Amino acid sequence: MPKVSTDHDYAARDESIAINTYTTVLRRPRVPHALFATYWRDVHGPLCSRVPGLGWYVQTHFDRAQDAHLWPSVEGITPFPDYELDGGVEIGFASAEDQSTFNDASSILFADEQNMFAATVAYALPQGSRTLVDRIPDPIPNADDGFDRIHVHLGAATDDLDAFGTFLTDFAEKLAAEPAVLKVRLHLPERYDNAKPAPPAPNVDHRVPPERAAIGILELAFESPLTRRAFLESDAFAAIAQGQQHVRHATAFAVSGVYTYVRDKTLTLAGLRGSRPAQLIERLGANNQAADDVRQLILTGQL
């Protein structure tokens, strides 16, 4: 399978997720990053994957050490103050009934968050998210797949969220039309309410400052950092980026890996076994580890 498709757009494969959440995560400061990332991928990930009702579960890990030149500066738009993250999570559902099933069973998941997270904030997307273009064939990445990926968090300049959403939608559509941009996925969540902290995980902070209550997130992918930098410095991008009066803040996060645990209500190999064990199985071509009898044994403890 080629890494990039120049003649096919896979965006439609995400449409089965009718309801979504985008959760920002910050690790506990005294937990070493390597330990945090391993626990999140291989302990917390498989636990979340098994909660009933789940239709879509993807962890996106961020790299704090990557060069800061991820997104161009624009006059009048500043980075969010004191905004550090270690990742973003999508948890999605095919229906409201599935989401309710998940919520009823999710306490076992949220009780685990305190082991590695200092703060998590779940932004609600009751109408789902939107993938505008996706030229990357792999539907279930479980790695740093070599693409240059970033998540750009944008804060609204005013309380007019309709105007903010309209601008970001138009912005995303124009980005998706550019050949240099391999993927554009847009999240336009509801305004976050500190009076209703989400997710309800004990001993984890779920509050946001006022400037992060109304945000939008752009998930972008490029073939390489060189491709990204060239595009962001181009006249084409300058024309697309005009008229950002609806945006007050912008902070970009470099992606170090994308790990898919559930797609279309089905466990991936990473969801079944953990992210790193799945990579080992794939590296050695251990087909027996992905066979139905092993899957049954792992899920039920019985052959």
Protein backbone atom coordinates (compact mmCIF):
# COMPACT_ATOMS: atom_id res chain seq x y z
CA MET A 1 0.00 0.00 0.00
CA PRO A 2 1.48 3.39 -0.94
CA LYS A 3 2.02 5.90 1.83
CA VAL A 4 0.23 8.68 -0.05
CA SER A 5 -2.55 8.52 -2.60
CA THR A 6 -2.48 11.22 -5.24
CA ASP A 7 -5.73 10.06 -6.86
CA HIS A 8 -7.94 9.06 -3.93
CA ASP A 9 -9.40 10.86 -0.94
CA TYR A 10 -10.18 8.69 2.09
CA ALA A 11 -12.05 11.40 4.04
CA ALA A 12 -15.42 9.64 3.79
CA ARG A 13 -14.25 6.72 5.95
CA ASP A 14 -14.55 8.93 9.06
CA GLU A 15 -18.22 9.79 8.51
CA SER A 16 -19.52 6.85 10.57
CA ILE A 17 -18.55 8.71 13.75
CA ALA A 18 -21.60 10.90 14.33
CA ILE A 19 -20.62 12.16 17.81
CA ASN A 20 -17.09 12.92 18.92
CA THR A 21 -14.99 14.35 21.74
CA TYR A 22 -11.54 15.89 21.55
CA THR A 23 -9.67 15.70 24.84
CA THR A 24 -6.47 17.58 25.60
CA VAL A 25 -4.09 15.79 27.99
CA LEU A 26 -1.23 16.94 30.18
CA ARG A 27 0.94 14.41 31.99
CA ARG A 28 1.69 14.52 35.68
CA PRO A 29 4.87 16.61 36.08
CA ARG A 30 6.78 14.01 38.11
CA VAL A 31 5.99 11.12 35.76
CA PRO A 32 8.88 10.74 33.26
CA HIS A 33 7.71 11.24 29.72
CA ALA A 34 8.80 7.80 28.50
CA LEU A 35 6.92 6.11 31.34
CA PHE A 36 3.88 8.30 30.72
CA ALA A 37 3.80 7.55 26.98
CA THR A 38 4.23 3.80 27.52
CA TYR A 39 1.50 3.65 30.16
CA TRP A 40 -0.89 5.72 28.05
CA ARG A 41 -0.31 3.57 24.95
CA ASP A 42 -0.10 0.09 26.45
CA VAL A 43 -2.06 0.18 29.72
CA HIS A 44 -4.66 2.95 29.50
CA GLY A 45 -5.22 2.49 25.75
CA PRO A 46 -6.38 -1.15 25.83
CA LEU A 47 -8.51 -0.43 28.91
CA CYS A 48 -10.35 2.40 27.14
CA SER A 49 -10.71 0.29 24.00
CA ARG A 50 -12.81 -2.28 25.83
CA VAL A 51 -15.39 0.10 27.30
CA PRO A 52 -18.70 -0.77 25.58
CA GLY A 53 -20.26 1.62 23.10
CA LEU A 54 -17.00 2.98 21.77
CA GLY A 55 -16.87 3.50 18.01
CA TRP A 56 -13.63 5.42 17.54
CA TYR A 57 -10.58 5.86 19.75
CA VAL A 58 -7.34 7.52 18.66
CA GLN A 59 -4.45 8.80 20.77
CA THR A 60 -2.30 11.54 19.24
CA HIS A 61 0.95 12.11 21.14
CA PHE A 62 2.64 15.50 20.98
CA ASP A 63 6.38 16.25 20.93
CA ARG A 64 7.32 19.21 23.09
CA ALA A 65 10.91 19.19 21.83
CA GLN A 66 10.22 19.79 18.13
CA ASP A 67 11.24 23.07 16.53
CA ALA A 68 8.78 25.83 17.39
CA HIS A 69 8.39 26.97 13.76
CA LEU A 70 5.24 24.95 13.30
CA TRP A 71 2.77 27.70 12.44
CA PRO A 72 3.32 31.26 11.15
CA SER A 73 2.85 34.29 13.35
CA VAL A 74 0.01 36.62 12.43
CA GLU A 75 -0.33 40.17 13.69
CA GLY A 76 -2.99 40.37 16.38
CA ILE A 77 -2.94 36.62 17.08
CA THR A 78 -0.84 35.37 19.99
CA PRO A 79 -0.10 31.90 21.37
CA PHE A 80 -2.30 30.71 24.22
CA PRO A 81 -0.49 31.66 27.44
CA ASP A 82 0.96 28.83 29.55
CA TYR A 83 -0.32 26.16 27.18
CA GLU A 84 1.63 22.90 27.23
CA LEU A 85 0.11 19.58 26.19
CA ASP A 86 1.29 16.01 25.80
CA GLY A 87 -1.46 14.90 23.44
CA GLY A 88 -4.99 14.94 22.15
CA VAL A 89 -7.54 12.12 22.18
CA GLU A 90 -10.55 11.44 20.01
CA ILE A 91 -13.30 9.28 21.48
CA GLY A 92 -16.23 8.93 19.12
CA PHE A 93 -19.57 7.15 18.75
CA ALA A 94 -21.84 6.01 15.97
CA SER A 95 -24.96 7.10 17.87
CA ALA A 96 -26.24 8.81 21.01
CA GLU A 97 -27.25 5.39 22.33
CA ASP A 98 -23.67 4.15 22.00
CA GLN A 99 -22.38 7.24 23.77
CA SER A 100 -24.81 6.66 26.63
CA THR A 101 -23.64 3.05 26.92
CA PHE A 102 -20.04 4.25 27.10
CA ASN A 103 -20.81 6.94 29.67
CA ASP A 104 -22.58 4.44 31.93
CA ALA A 105 -19.49 2.20 31.95
CA SER A 106 -16.72 4.79 31.82
CA SER A 107 -15.97 5.17 35.53
CA ILE A 108 -13.54 2.24 35.29
CA LEU A 109 -11.64 4.22 32.63
CA PHE A 110 -11.68 7.61 34.31
CA ALA A 111 -10.42 6.13 37.58
CA ASP A 112 -7.18 5.33 35.74
CA GLU A 113 -6.49 8.88 34.51
CA GLN A 114 -4.97 10.03 37.80
CA ASN A 115 -2.08 7.60 37.32
CA MET A 116 -0.53 9.61 34.49
CA PHE A 117 -2.58 12.75 33.76
CA ALA A 118 -2.38 16.06 35.63
CA ALA A 119 -5.11 17.62 33.48
CA THR A 120 -7.60 16.45 30.87
CA VAL A 121 -10.27 18.53 29.15
CA ALA A 122 -12.92 16.84 27.01
CA TYR A 123 -14.38 19.21 24.41
CA ALA A 124 -17.78 17.99 23.19
CA LEU A 125 -18.52 17.62 19.49
CA PRO A 126 -22.18 16.49 19.44
CA GLN A 127 -22.29 16.92 15.64
CA GLY A 128 -19.00 15.09 15.19
CA SER A 129 -15.79 16.29 13.58
CA ARG A 130 -15.14 16.70 9.88
CA THR A 131 -12.35 15.26 7.75
CA LEU A 132 -12.12 17.47 4.67
CA VAL A 133 -9.34 15.57 2.92
CA ASP A 134 -7.20 12.54 3.76
CA ARG A 135 -4.73 11.25 1.18
CA ILE A 136 -3.07 8.81 3.60
CA PRO A 137 -4.33 5.28 2.89
CA ASP A 138 -3.67 3.68 6.31
CA PRO A 139 -6.96 3.90 8.29
CA ILE A 140 -5.47 2.70 11.60
CA PRO A 141 -1.98 4.19 12.13
CA ASN A 142 -0.12 2.86 15.15
CA ALA A 143 3.20 4.66 14.96
CA ASP A 144 5.14 7.71 14.00
CA ASP A 145 4.35 7.01 10.35
CA GLY A 146 6.85 9.46 8.90
CA PHE A 147 4.39 12.17 7.96
CA ASP A 148 4.73 15.69 9.31
CA ARG A 149 1.61 16.14 11.44
CA ILE A 150 0.51 19.08 13.58
CA HIS A 151 -2.55 20.03 15.60
CA VAL A 152 -3.31 23.76 15.57
CA HIS A 153 -5.47 25.02 18.44
CA LEU A 154 -7.22 28.31 17.68
CA GLY A 155 -9.07 30.51 20.17
CA ALA A 156 -12.08 32.66 19.35
CA ALA A 157 -11.62 36.43 19.43
CA THR A 158 -15.22 37.19 20.46
CA ASP A 159 -18.36 35.49 21.75
CA ASP A 160 -19.66 35.16 18.20
CA LEU A 161 -18.94 31.45 17.86
CA ASP A 162 -20.99 31.16 14.67
CA ALA A 163 -18.66 33.62 12.94
CA PHE A 164 -15.64 31.84 14.41
CA GLY A 165 -16.91 28.49 13.15
CA THR A 166 -17.74 29.87 9.71
CA PHE A 167 -14.24 31.30 9.37
CA LEU A 168 -12.53 28.08 10.46
CA THR A 169 -14.69 25.97 8.16
CA ASP A 170 -13.84 28.18 5.18
CA PHE A 171 -10.17 28.18 6.21
CA ALA A 172 -10.13 24.38 6.46
CA GLU A 173 -11.86 23.94 3.10
CA LYS A 174 -9.29 26.15 1.40
CA LEU A 175 -6.42 24.25 3.07
CA ALA A 176 -7.92 20.95 1.92
CA ALA A 177 -7.83 22.14 -1.70
CA GLU A 178 -4.05 22.60 -1.58
CA PRO A 179 -2.00 19.64 -2.93
CA ALA A 180 0.70 20.10 -0.27
CA VAL A 181 -1.79 19.38 2.53
CA LEU A 182 -2.32 15.63 2.82
CA LYS A 183 -4.91 15.70 5.59
CA VAL A 184 -7.27 18.27 7.10
CA ARG A 185 -9.55 17.33 9.97
CA LEU A 186 -11.55 20.05 11.73
CA HIS A 187 -12.92 19.96 15.26
CA LEU A 188 -15.38 22.72 16.24
CA PRO A 189 -16.47 21.81 19.77
CA GLU A 190 -19.08 23.41 21.96
CA ARG A 191 -17.91 26.07 24.38
CA TYR A 192 -16.38 24.36 27.40
CA ASP A 193 -18.10 24.97 30.74
CA ASN A 194 -15.95 24.78 33.89
CA ALA A 195 -19.15 24.26 35.89
CA LYS A 196 -19.53 20.89 34.13
CA PRO A 197 -16.00 19.46 34.22
CA ALA A 198 -15.32 16.72 31.71
CA PRO A 199 -14.27 13.98 31.75
CA PRO A 200 -15.31 13.25 35.36
CA ALA A 201 -11.95 11.75 36.34
CA PRO A 202 -11.03 12.00 40.04
CA ASN A 203 -7.87 13.85 41.13
CA VAL A 204 -7.34 15.31 37.64
CA ASP A 205 -7.76 18.99 36.73
CA HIS A 206 -10.51 19.70 34.19
CA ARG A 207 -10.63 23.51 34.28
CA VAL A 208 -9.69 25.87 31.46
CA PRO A 209 -8.92 29.61 31.51
CA PRO A 210 -11.41 31.86 29.68
CA GLU A 211 -9.36 32.03 26.48
CA ARG A 212 -9.52 28.24 26.06
CA ALA A 213 -13.27 27.86 26.56
CA ALA A 214 -14.11 28.45 22.89
CA ILE A 215 -11.58 26.83 20.58
CA GLY A 216 -11.26 25.09 17.25
CA ILE A 217 -8.67 22.47 16.31
CA LEU A 218 -7.15 21.84 12.91
CA GLU A 219 -5.39 18.52 12.38
CA LEU A 220 -3.00 18.81 9.44
CA ALA A 221 -0.56 16.45 7.73
CA PHE A 222 2.21 17.11 5.23
CA GLU A 223 4.71 14.87 3.50
CA SER A 224 7.63 16.41 5.43
CA PRO A 225 8.62 19.45 7.51
CA LEU A 226 10.19 20.92 4.37
CA THR A 227 6.87 20.62 2.56
CA ARG A 228 5.03 22.21 5.46
CA ARG A 229 7.44 25.13 5.82
CA ALA A 230 7.43 25.81 2.09
CA PHE A 231 3.62 25.81 1.99
CA LEU A 232 3.20 28.00 5.09
CA GLU A 233 5.64 30.53 3.60
CA SER A 234 3.91 30.53 0.19
CA ASP A 235 1.71 33.17 -1.38
CA ALA A 236 -1.05 30.56 -1.58
CA PHE A 237 -1.14 30.15 2.19
CA ALA A 238 -0.91 33.92 2.74
CA ALA A 239 -4.03 34.36 0.63
CA ILE A 240 -5.89 31.61 2.50
CA ALA A 241 -4.92 32.99 5.91
CA GLN A 242 -6.22 36.53 5.35
CA GLY A 243 -9.01 37.94 7.47
CA GLN A 244 -8.40 36.16 10.75
CA GLN A 245 -10.18 38.76 12.85
CA HIS A 246 -12.24 35.99 14.45
CA VAL A 247 -9.10 34.37 15.92
CA ARG A 248 -7.36 35.67 19.07
CA HIS A 249 -4.94 32.83 19.88
CA ALA A 250 -3.13 30.10 17.95
CA THR A 251 -0.80 27.39 19.25
CA ALA A 252 0.50 24.49 17.19
CA PHE A 253 1.60 21.13 18.58
CA ALA A 254 3.93 18.73 16.80
CA VAL A 255 2.72 15.15 16.60
CA SER A 256 5.13 12.39 17.59
CA GLY A 257 2.78 9.48 16.86
CA VAL A 258 -0.82 8.49 16.09
CA TYR A 259 -2.21 5.33 17.71
CA THR A 260 -5.58 3.89 16.69
CA TYR A 261 -7.33 1.49 19.09
CA VAL A 262 -10.91 1.37 17.80
CA ARG A 263 -12.33 2.13 14.36
CA ASP A 264 -15.89 1.45 13.24
CA LYS A 265 -16.69 -0.13 16.63
CA THR A 266 -13.96 -2.74 16.09
CA LEU A 267 -10.79 -3.24 18.11
CA THR A 268 -7.59 -2.81 16.14
CA LEU A 269 -4.59 -4.98 16.98
CA ALA A 270 -3.35 -2.10 19.15
CA GLY A 271 -6.69 -2.01 20.96
CA LEU A 272 -6.60 -5.74 21.51
CA ARG A 273 -2.99 -6.14 22.61
CA GLY A 274 -1.55 -2.67 23.28
CA SER A 275 0.27 -0.35 20.91
CA ARG A 276 3.84 -1.63 21.30
CA PRO A 277 2.88 -5.34 21.36
CA ALA A 278 0.94 -4.72 18.14
CA GLN A 279 4.04 -3.19 16.59
CA LEU A 280 6.09 -6.25 17.60
CA ILE A 281 3.49 -8.61 16.14
CA GLU A 282 3.47 -6.68 12.87
CA ARG A 283 7.28 -6.42 12.75
CA LEU A 284 7.68 -10.20 13.07
CA GLY A 285 4.71 -11.03 10.86
CA ALA A 286 3.22 -13.13 13.68
CA ASN A 287 -0.11 -13.81 11.98
CA ASN A 288 -1.07 -16.35 14.63
CA GLN A 289 -1.23 -13.51 17.17
CA ALA A 290 -3.94 -11.83 15.09
CA ALA A 291 -5.94 -15.00 14.42
CA ASP A 292 -9.53 -15.45 15.59
CA ASP A 293 -8.66 -18.09 18.19
CA VAL A 294 -6.08 -15.85 19.86
CA ARG A 295 -8.44 -12.89 19.71
CA GLN A 296 -11.15 -14.97 21.40
CA LEU A 297 -8.70 -16.10 24.08
CA ILE A 298 -7.52 -12.54 24.79
CA LEU A 299 -11.06 -11.16 24.98
CA THR A 300 -12.75 -13.94 26.96
CA GLY A 301 -10.01 -16.05 28.57
CA GLN A 302 -11.47 -19.09 26.81
CA LEU A 303 -10.72 -20.99 23.61
